[in-house]
C-alpha atoms as a PDB file:
ATOM      1  CA  MET A   1      84.801  67.428 128.681  1.00  0.00           C
ATOM      2  CA  SER A   2      85.185  69.574 131.790  1.00  0.00           C
ATOM      3  CA  ASP A   3      84.419  73.290 131.923  1.00  0.00           C
ATOM      4  CA  ALA A   4      88.154  73.939 132.161  1.00  0.00           C
ATOM      5  CA  GLY A   5      88.705  71.823 129.069  1.00  0.00           C
ATOM      6  CA  ASN A   6      85.971  73.654 127.184  1.00  0.00           C
ATOM      7  CA  SER A   7      87.421  76.990 128.239  1.00  0.00           C
ATOM      8  CA  ALA A   8      90.898  75.972 127.104  1.00  0.00           C
ATOM      9  CA  SER A   9      89.520  74.721 123.792  1.00  0.00           C
ATOM     10  CA  ASP A  10      87.561  77.935 123.230  1.00  0.00           C
ATOM     11  CA  SER A  11      90.596  80.037 124.101  1.00  0.00           C
ATOM     12  CA  ALA A  12      92.765  78.054 121.711  1.00  0.00           C
ATOM     13  CA  GLY A  13      90.191  78.418 118.947  1.00  0.00           C
ATOM     14  CA  GLN A  14      89.867  82.145 119.540  1.00  0.00           C
ATOM     15  CA  GLY A  15      93.640  82.475 119.605  1.00  0.00           C
ATOM     16  CA  ALA A  16      93.956  80.652 116.285  1.00  0.00           C
ATOM     17  CA  LYS A  17      91.262  82.872 114.766  1.00  0.00           C
ATOM     18  CA  THR A  18      92.990  86.022 116.005  1.00  0.00           C
ATOM     19  CA  LEU A  19      96.323  84.759 114.676  1.00  0.00           C
ATOM     20  CA  GLY A  20      94.729  84.072 111.304  1.00  0.00           C
ATOM     21  CA  GLN A  21      93.251  87.566 111.146  1.00  0.00           C
ATOM     22  CA  GLY A  22      96.612  89.056 112.082  1.00  0.00           C
ATOM     23  CA  SER A  23      98.318  87.015 109.372  1.00  0.00           C
ATOM     24  CA  LYS A  24      95.774  88.215 106.800  1.00  0.00           C
ATOM     25  CA  LEU A  25      96.332  91.836 107.855  1.00  0.00           C
ATOM     26  CA  ILE A  26     100.095  91.446 107.458  1.00  0.00           C
ATOM     27  CA  VAL A  27      99.629  90.001 103.963  1.00  0.00           C
ATOM     28  CA  ASP A  28      97.298  92.828 102.920  1.00  0.00           C
ATOM     29  CA  VAL A  29      99.190  95.737 104.494  1.00  0.00           C
ATOM     30  CA  GLY A  30     102.719  94.382 104.853  1.00  0.00           C
ATOM     31  CA  PRO A  31     104.088  95.160 101.360  1.00  0.00           C
ATOM     32  CA  ALA A  32     103.055  98.832 101.586  1.00  0.00           C
ATOM     33  CA  ALA A  33     104.673  99.091 105.019  1.00  0.00           C
ATOM     34  CA  VAL A  34     107.842  97.480 103.647  1.00  0.00           C
ATOM     35  CA  PHE A  35     107.964 100.063 100.843  1.00  0.00           C
ATOM     36  CA  MET A  36     107.678 102.959 103.288  1.00  0.00           C
ATOM     37  CA  LEU A  37     110.251 101.562 105.720  1.00  0.00           C
ATOM     38  CA  THR A  38     112.743 100.722 102.973  1.00  0.00           C
ATOM     39  CA  TYR A  39     112.424 104.179 101.460  1.00  0.00           C
ATOM     40  CA  ASN A  40     112.923 105.957 104.786  1.00  0.00           C
ATOM     41  CA  LEU A  41     115.898 103.773 105.712  1.00  0.00           C
ATOM     42  CA  ALA A  42     117.608 104.234 102.344  1.00  0.00           C
ATOM     43  CA  LYS A  43     116.856 107.919 101.751  1.00  0.00           C
ATOM     44  CA  PRO A  44     119.543 109.332 104.119  1.00  0.00           C
ATOM     45  CA  PHE A  45     122.229 107.345 102.286  1.00  0.00           C
ATOM     46  CA  THR A  46     121.244 107.458  98.617  1.00  0.00           C
ATOM     47  CA  ASP A  47     119.184 109.396  96.097  1.00  0.00           C
ATOM     48  CA  ALA A  48     118.112 106.050  94.645  1.00  0.00           C
ATOM     49  CA  ALA A  49     115.884 105.234  97.628  1.00  0.00           C
ATOM     50  CA  ILE A  50     112.794 105.076  95.416  1.00  0.00           C
ATOM     51  CA  TYR A  51     114.400 102.313  93.330  1.00  0.00           C
ATOM     52  CA  TRP A  52     115.479 100.285  96.356  1.00  0.00           C
ATOM     53  CA  ALA A  53     112.017 100.638  97.877  1.00  0.00           C
ATOM     54  CA  THR A  54     110.356  99.684  94.591  1.00  0.00           C
ATOM     55  CA  GLY A  55     112.448  96.536  94.179  1.00  0.00           C
ATOM     56  CA  ILE A  56     111.837  95.341  97.726  1.00  0.00           C
ATOM     57  CA  PHE A  57     108.151  96.265  97.399  1.00  0.00           C
ATOM     58  CA  MET A  58     107.913  93.989  94.349  1.00  0.00           C
ATOM     59  CA  ALA A  59     109.500  91.128  96.297  1.00  0.00           C
ATOM     60  CA  ALA A  60     107.268  91.730  99.339  1.00  0.00           C
ATOM     61  CA  THR A  61     104.129  91.729  97.185  1.00  0.00           C
ATOM     62  CA  ALA A  62     105.190  88.479  95.513  1.00  0.00           C
ATOM     63  CA  LEU A  63     105.788  86.891  98.928  1.00  0.00           C
ATOM     64  CA  ALA A  64     102.376  88.132 100.112  1.00  0.00           C
ATOM     65  CA  VAL A  65     100.682  86.440  97.147  1.00  0.00           C
ATOM     66  CA  ILE A  66     102.588  83.195  97.723  1.00  0.00           C
ATOM     67  CA  TRP A  67     101.716  83.224 101.429  1.00  0.00           C
ATOM     68  CA  ALA A  68      98.033  83.947 100.747  1.00  0.00           C
ATOM     69  CA  VAL A  69      97.697  81.212  98.116  1.00  0.00           C
ATOM     70  CA  PHE A  70      99.762  78.396  99.614  1.00  0.00           C
ATOM     71  CA  VAL A  71      99.563  79.033 103.366  1.00  0.00           C
ATOM     72  CA  GLN A  72      96.246  80.819 103.902  1.00  0.00           C
ATOM     73  CA  LYS A  73      94.613  78.859 101.054  1.00  0.00           C
ATOM     74  CA  ARG A  74      92.912  81.924  99.590  1.00  0.00           C
ATOM     75  CA  THR A  75      93.243  83.847  96.339  1.00  0.00           C
ATOM     76  CA  PRO A  76      92.530  87.523  97.110  1.00  0.00           C
ATOM     77  CA  PRO A  77      91.626  89.209  93.780  1.00  0.00           C
ATOM     78  CA  MET A  78      92.677  92.695  94.899  1.00  0.00           C
ATOM     79  CA  LEU A  79      96.093  91.445  95.998  1.00  0.00           C
ATOM     80  CA  ILE A  80      96.569  89.582  92.703  1.00  0.00           C
ATOM     81  CA  VAL A  81      95.715  92.703  90.678  1.00  0.00           C
ATOM     82  CA  THR A  82      98.024  94.772  92.868  1.00  0.00           C
ATOM     83  CA  PHE A  83     100.838  92.250  92.347  1.00  0.00           C
ATOM     84  CA  VAL A  84     100.507  92.411  88.543  1.00  0.00           C
ATOM     85  CA  ILE A  85     100.526  96.228  88.459  1.00  0.00           C
ATOM     86  CA  VAL A  86     103.303  96.501  91.055  1.00  0.00           C
ATOM     87  CA  THR A  87     105.472  94.078  89.085  1.00  0.00           C
ATOM     88  CA  ALA A  88     104.866  95.770  85.726  1.00  0.00           C
ATOM     89  CA  PHE A  89     105.313  99.360  86.866  1.00  0.00           C
ATOM     90  CA  GLY A  90     108.075  98.449  89.299  1.00  0.00           C
ATOM     91  CA  ALA A  91     110.049  96.800  86.515  1.00  0.00           C
ATOM     92  CA  MET A  92     109.638  99.886  84.319  1.00  0.00           C
ATOM     93  CA  THR A  93     110.659 102.145  87.210  1.00  0.00           C
ATOM     94  CA  ILE A  94     113.920 100.277  87.723  1.00  0.00           C
ATOM     95  CA  TYR A  95     114.690  99.515  84.070  1.00  0.00           C
ATOM     96  CA  PHE A  96     114.145 103.062  82.817  1.00  0.00           C
ATOM     97  CA  GLN A  97     115.406 104.632  86.066  1.00  0.00           C
ATOM     98  CA  ASN A  98     112.322 106.836  86.033  1.00  0.00           C
ATOM     99  CA  PRO A  99     110.397 107.249  89.313  1.00  0.00           C
ATOM    100  CA  VAL A 100     107.297 108.549  87.524  1.00  0.00           C
ATOM    101  CA  PHE A 101     106.252 104.936  86.896  1.00  0.00           C
ATOM    102  CA  ALA A 102     106.307 104.364  90.665  1.00  0.00           C
ATOM    103  CA  TYR A 103     104.497 107.632  91.318  1.00  0.00           C
ATOM    104  CA  VAL A 104     101.609 106.852  88.971  1.00  0.00           C
ATOM    105  CA  LYS A 105     101.222 103.200  90.017  1.00  0.00           C
ATOM    106  CA  PRO A 106      98.764 103.838  92.913  1.00  0.00           C
ATOM    107  CA  THR A 107      96.572 105.831  90.525  1.00  0.00           C
ATOM    108  CA  ILE A 108      96.388 102.929  88.072  1.00  0.00           C
ATOM    109  CA  ILE A 109      95.622 100.377  90.795  1.00  0.00           C
ATOM    110  CA  ASN A 110      92.828 102.437  92.354  1.00  0.00           C
ATOM    111  CA  LEU A 111      91.240 103.260  88.991  1.00  0.00           C
ATOM    112  CA  ILE A 112      91.252  99.563  88.072  1.00  0.00           C
ATOM    113  CA  PHE A 113      89.454  98.745  91.331  1.00  0.00           C
ATOM    114  CA  ALA A 114      86.864 101.496  90.743  1.00  0.00           C
ATOM    115  CA  PHE A 115      86.391 100.454  87.109  1.00  0.00           C
ATOM    116  CA  ALA A 116      85.996  96.777  88.056  1.00  0.00           C
ATOM    117  CA  ILE A 117      83.321  97.572  90.651  1.00  0.00           C
ATOM    118  CA  LEU A 118      81.246  99.809  88.362  1.00  0.00           C
ATOM    119  CA  VAL A 119      81.570  97.728  85.187  1.00  0.00           C
ATOM    120  CA  SER A 120      80.819  94.457  86.961  1.00  0.00           C
ATOM    121  CA  TYR A 121      77.669  95.961  88.457  1.00  0.00           C
ATOM    122  CA  SER A 122      76.547  97.326  85.090  1.00  0.00           C
ATOM    123  CA  LEU A 123      76.852  93.756  83.785  1.00  0.00           C
ATOM    124  CA  GLY A 124      74.648  92.437  86.581  1.00  0.00           C
ATOM    125  CA  PHE A 125      77.438  91.169  88.827  1.00  0.00           C
ATOM    126  CA  ASN A 126      78.163  92.981  92.091  1.00  0.00           C
ATOM    127  CA  VAL A 127      81.837  92.244  92.716  1.00  0.00           C
ATOM    128  CA  TRP A 128      81.590  93.747  96.198  1.00  0.00           C
ATOM    129  CA  ARG A 129      78.906  91.223  97.128  1.00  0.00           C
ATOM    130  CA  TYR A 130      81.054  88.459  95.621  1.00  0.00           C
ATOM    131  CA  LEU A 131      84.007  89.441  97.826  1.00  0.00           C
ATOM    132  CA  PHE A 132      82.122  89.949 101.082  1.00  0.00           C
ATOM    133  CA  GLY A 133      78.840  88.071 100.656  1.00  0.00           C
ATOM    134  CA  THR A 134      80.030  85.244 102.891  1.00  0.00           C
ATOM    135  CA  ILE A 135      80.748  87.703 105.709  1.00  0.00           C
ATOM    136  CA  TYR A 136      77.608  89.843 105.596  1.00  0.00           C
ATOM    137  CA  GLN A 137      74.076  88.919 104.570  1.00  0.00           C
ATOM    138  CA  MET A 138      72.451  92.084 103.248  1.00  0.00           C
ATOM    139  CA  PRO A 139      69.777  93.024 100.699  1.00  0.00           C
ATOM    140  CA  GLU A 140      70.837  93.925  97.186  1.00  0.00           C
ATOM    141  CA  ARG A 141      70.207  97.656  97.693  1.00  0.00           C
ATOM    142  CA  ALA A 142      72.771  97.703 100.503  1.00  0.00           C
ATOM    143  CA  TRP A 143      75.379  95.965  98.341  1.00  0.00           C
ATOM    144  CA  PHE A 144      74.673  98.496  95.587  1.00  0.00           C
ATOM    145  CA  ILE A 145      75.213 101.442  97.938  1.00  0.00           C
ATOM    146  CA  LEU A 146      78.455  99.981  99.273  1.00  0.00           C
ATOM    147  CA  ALA A 147      79.717  99.144  95.784  1.00  0.00           C
ATOM    148  CA  VAL A 148      79.133 102.685  94.516  1.00  0.00           C
ATOM    149  CA  ARG A 149      80.669 104.221  97.627  1.00  0.00           C
ATOM    150  CA  TRP A 150      83.794 102.091  97.346  1.00  0.00           C
ATOM    151  CA  ALA A 151      84.134 102.821  93.640  1.00  0.00           C
ATOM    152  CA  LEU A 152      83.970 106.548  94.384  1.00  0.00           C
ATOM    153  CA  PHE A 153      86.429 106.124  97.245  1.00  0.00           C
ATOM    154  CA  PHE A 154      88.965 104.426  94.978  1.00  0.00           C
ATOM    155  CA  MET A 155      88.535 107.329  92.556  1.00  0.00           C
ATOM    156  CA  VAL A 156      89.254 109.753  95.401  1.00  0.00           C
ATOM    157  CA  LEU A 157      92.418 107.801  96.238  1.00  0.00           C
ATOM    158  CA  ALA A 158      93.469 107.936  92.589  1.00  0.00           C
ATOM    159  CA  GLY A 159      92.799 111.674  92.426  1.00  0.00           C
ATOM    160  CA  THR A 160      94.707 112.273  95.655  1.00  0.00           C
ATOM    161  CA  ASN A 161      97.725 110.408  94.329  1.00  0.00           C
ATOM    162  CA  GLU A 162      97.571 112.385  91.079  1.00  0.00           C
ATOM    163  CA  LEU A 163      97.487 115.648  93.010  1.00  0.00           C
ATOM    164  CA  LEU A 164     100.510 114.646  95.075  1.00  0.00           C
ATOM    165  CA  TRP A 165     102.885 113.039  92.590  1.00  0.00           C
ATOM    166  CA  ARG A 166     102.382 115.766  89.983  1.00  0.00           C
ATOM    167  CA  HIS A 167     103.760 118.269  92.504  1.00  0.00           C
ATOM    168  CA  ILE A 168     106.801 116.332  93.686  1.00  0.00           C
ATOM    169  CA  GLY A 169     109.842 118.578  93.427  1.00  0.00           C
ATOM    170  CA  ASP A 170     111.850 116.155  91.309  1.00  0.00           C
ATOM    171  CA  PRO A 171     113.412 116.784  87.869  1.00  0.00           C
ATOM    172  CA  ALA A 172     111.715 113.590  86.670  1.00  0.00           C
ATOM    173  CA  VAL A 173     108.323 115.291  87.040  1.00  0.00           C
ATOM    174  CA  PRO A 174     107.857 117.804  84.184  1.00  0.00           C
ATOM    175  CA  GLU A 175     106.619 121.248  85.157  1.00  0.00           C
ATOM    176  CA  THR A 176     103.865 120.907  82.550  1.00  0.00           C
ATOM    177  CA  LEU A 177     102.232 118.143  84.630  1.00  0.00           C
ATOM    178  CA  ARG A 178     101.674 120.411  87.625  1.00  0.00           C
ATOM    179  CA  TRP A 179      98.151 121.546  88.405  1.00  0.00           C
ATOM    180  CA  PHE A 180      99.153 124.344  90.785  1.00  0.00           C
ATOM    181  CA  ASP A 181     102.289 126.446  90.442  1.00  0.00           C
ATOM    182  CA  THR A 182     102.537 127.300  94.135  1.00  0.00           C
ATOM    183  CA  PHE A 183     102.064 123.761  95.462  1.00  0.00           C
ATOM    184  CA  SER A 184     105.072 121.481  95.904  1.00  0.00           C
ATOM    185  CA  ILE A 185     105.912 118.422  98.013  1.00  0.00           C
ATOM    186  CA  SER A 186     108.952 116.225  98.506  1.00  0.00           C
ATOM    187  CA  GLU A 187     109.282 112.654  97.339  1.00  0.00           C
ATOM    188  CA  THR A 188     109.645 111.675 100.996  1.00  0.00           C
ATOM    189  CA  PHE A 189     106.243 113.181 101.788  1.00  0.00           C
ATOM    190  CA  TRP A 190     104.666 111.233  98.926  1.00  0.00           C
ATOM    191  CA  ALA A 191     106.321 107.952  99.971  1.00  0.00           C
ATOM    192  CA  ASN A 192     105.085 108.295 103.548  1.00  0.00           C
ATOM    193  CA  PHE A 193     101.627 109.557 102.616  1.00  0.00           C
ATOM    194  CA  ARG A 194     100.988 106.559 100.367  1.00  0.00           C
ATOM    195  CA  PHE A 195     101.072 104.458 103.542  1.00  0.00           C
ATOM    196  CA  TRP A 196     100.030 106.617 106.507  1.00  0.00           C
ATOM    197  CA  GLY A 197      97.719 108.912 104.573  1.00  0.00           C
ATOM    198  CA  THR A 198      96.087 106.222 102.458  1.00  0.00           C
ATOM    199  CA  TYR A 199      95.403 103.844 105.337  1.00  0.00           C
ATOM    200  CA  ALA A 200      94.117 106.697 107.483  1.00  0.00           C
ATOM    201  CA  MET A 201      91.663 107.499 104.687  1.00  0.00           C
ATOM    202  CA  PHE A 202      90.722 103.810 104.534  1.00  0.00           C
ATOM    203  CA  ALA A 203      90.083 103.691 108.282  1.00  0.00           C
ATOM    204  CA  ILE A 204      87.903 106.807 108.202  1.00  0.00           C
ATOM    205  CA  PHE A 205      85.954 105.589 105.180  1.00  0.00           C
ATOM    206  CA  VAL A 206      85.337 102.158 106.708  1.00  0.00           C
ATOM    207  CA  ALA A 207      84.143 103.806 109.932  1.00  0.00           C
ATOM    208  CA  LEU A 208      81.730 105.995 107.965  1.00  0.00           C
ATOM    209  CA  ASN A 209      80.237 102.887 106.346  1.00  0.00           C
ATOM    210  CA  ILE A 210      79.682 100.994 109.590  1.00  0.00           C
ATOM    211  CA  PRO A 211      76.174 102.483 110.092  1.00  0.00           C
ATOM    212  CA  ILE A 212      74.842 101.168 106.773  1.00  0.00           C
ATOM    213  CA  THR A 213      76.376  97.757 107.446  1.00  0.00           C
ATOM    214  CA  LEU A 214      74.761  97.590 110.886  1.00  0.00           C
ATOM    215  CA  LYS A 215      71.464  98.826 109.470  1.00  0.00           C
ATOM    216  CA  TYR A 216      71.138  96.191 106.751  1.00  0.00           C
ATOM    217  CA  ALA A 217      73.255  93.281 107.983  1.00  0.00           C
ATOM    218  CA  SER A 218      70.360  91.740 109.912  1.00  0.00           C
ATOM    219  CA  GLU A 219      67.992  91.866 106.940  1.00  0.00           C
ATOM    220  CA  PRO A 220      67.637  88.741 104.765  1.00  0.00           C
ATOM    221  CA  ASP A 221      69.560  88.782 101.500  1.00  0.00           C
ATOM    222  CA  GLU A 222      67.169  89.075  98.554  1.00  0.00           C
ATOM    223  CA  GLY A 223      69.124  86.432  96.679  1.00  0.00           C
ATOM    224  CA  GLY A 224      69.106  83.996  99.584  1.00  0.00           C
ATOM    225  CA  ASP A 225      71.986  82.431 101.444  1.00  0.00           C
ATOM    226  CA  GLY A 226      72.572  79.874  98.711  1.00  0.00           C
ATOM    227  CA  GLU A 227      73.069  82.478  96.011  1.00  0.00           C
ATOM    228  CA  ALA A 228      75.555  84.395  98.110  1.00  0.00           C
ATOM    229  CA  SER A 229      77.469  81.213  98.838  1.00  0.00           C
ATOM    230  CA  GLN A 230      77.568  80.249  95.172  1.00  0.00           C
ATOM    231  CA  ALA A 231      78.798  83.709  94.231  1.00  0.00           C
ATOM    232  CA  ALA A 232      81.624  83.372  96.706  1.00  0.00           C
ATOM    233  CA  GLU A 233      82.729  79.949  95.465  1.00  0.00           C
END
């Protein structure tokens, strides 16, 4: 094959890889973006924006799972867990017409992630290594550090959501649930923060963990390549 042919083939392969990564990003982030956009579009016209956004968020999450499983041929555990919680709490939000179920949902999801990471490690199974062991080859101590950091980060996300939703100025939120009497936010602020604020925190946290990944990624995995591959299967 000529150099031009090789170049075209490489470009096509790189383009397909980039497209695949973009598709994965849309699946992972898309439903949250849909929730925020739906809420902001509906809010000027109705006080029921949270219910419209919740319903469409449920549908978007279901579509994301279907796309991941049948088109991308992958079964992302975190997306599956999110789908189950979103469906359960979303249904309660709409059925009982109580937005508190929607407010507390991010707390539940993040605590489940933190709990899963810590409990799995205590049982001798590093779920973080299972999820990313095929991408990075690192020694066990590095996987332990990352697992603990991510568990703590999910706890921080849960705590942040608790701080915010408990101070939403909505009759559905009892005054007794407030932590600070002088602190109050709008539902609109909460709805936008759960996307822009949360993903900004994610970006910063990931950036802070790049040094440890670069430091250990070149070291051989103590369990060997085969063990990491088996864990990922």
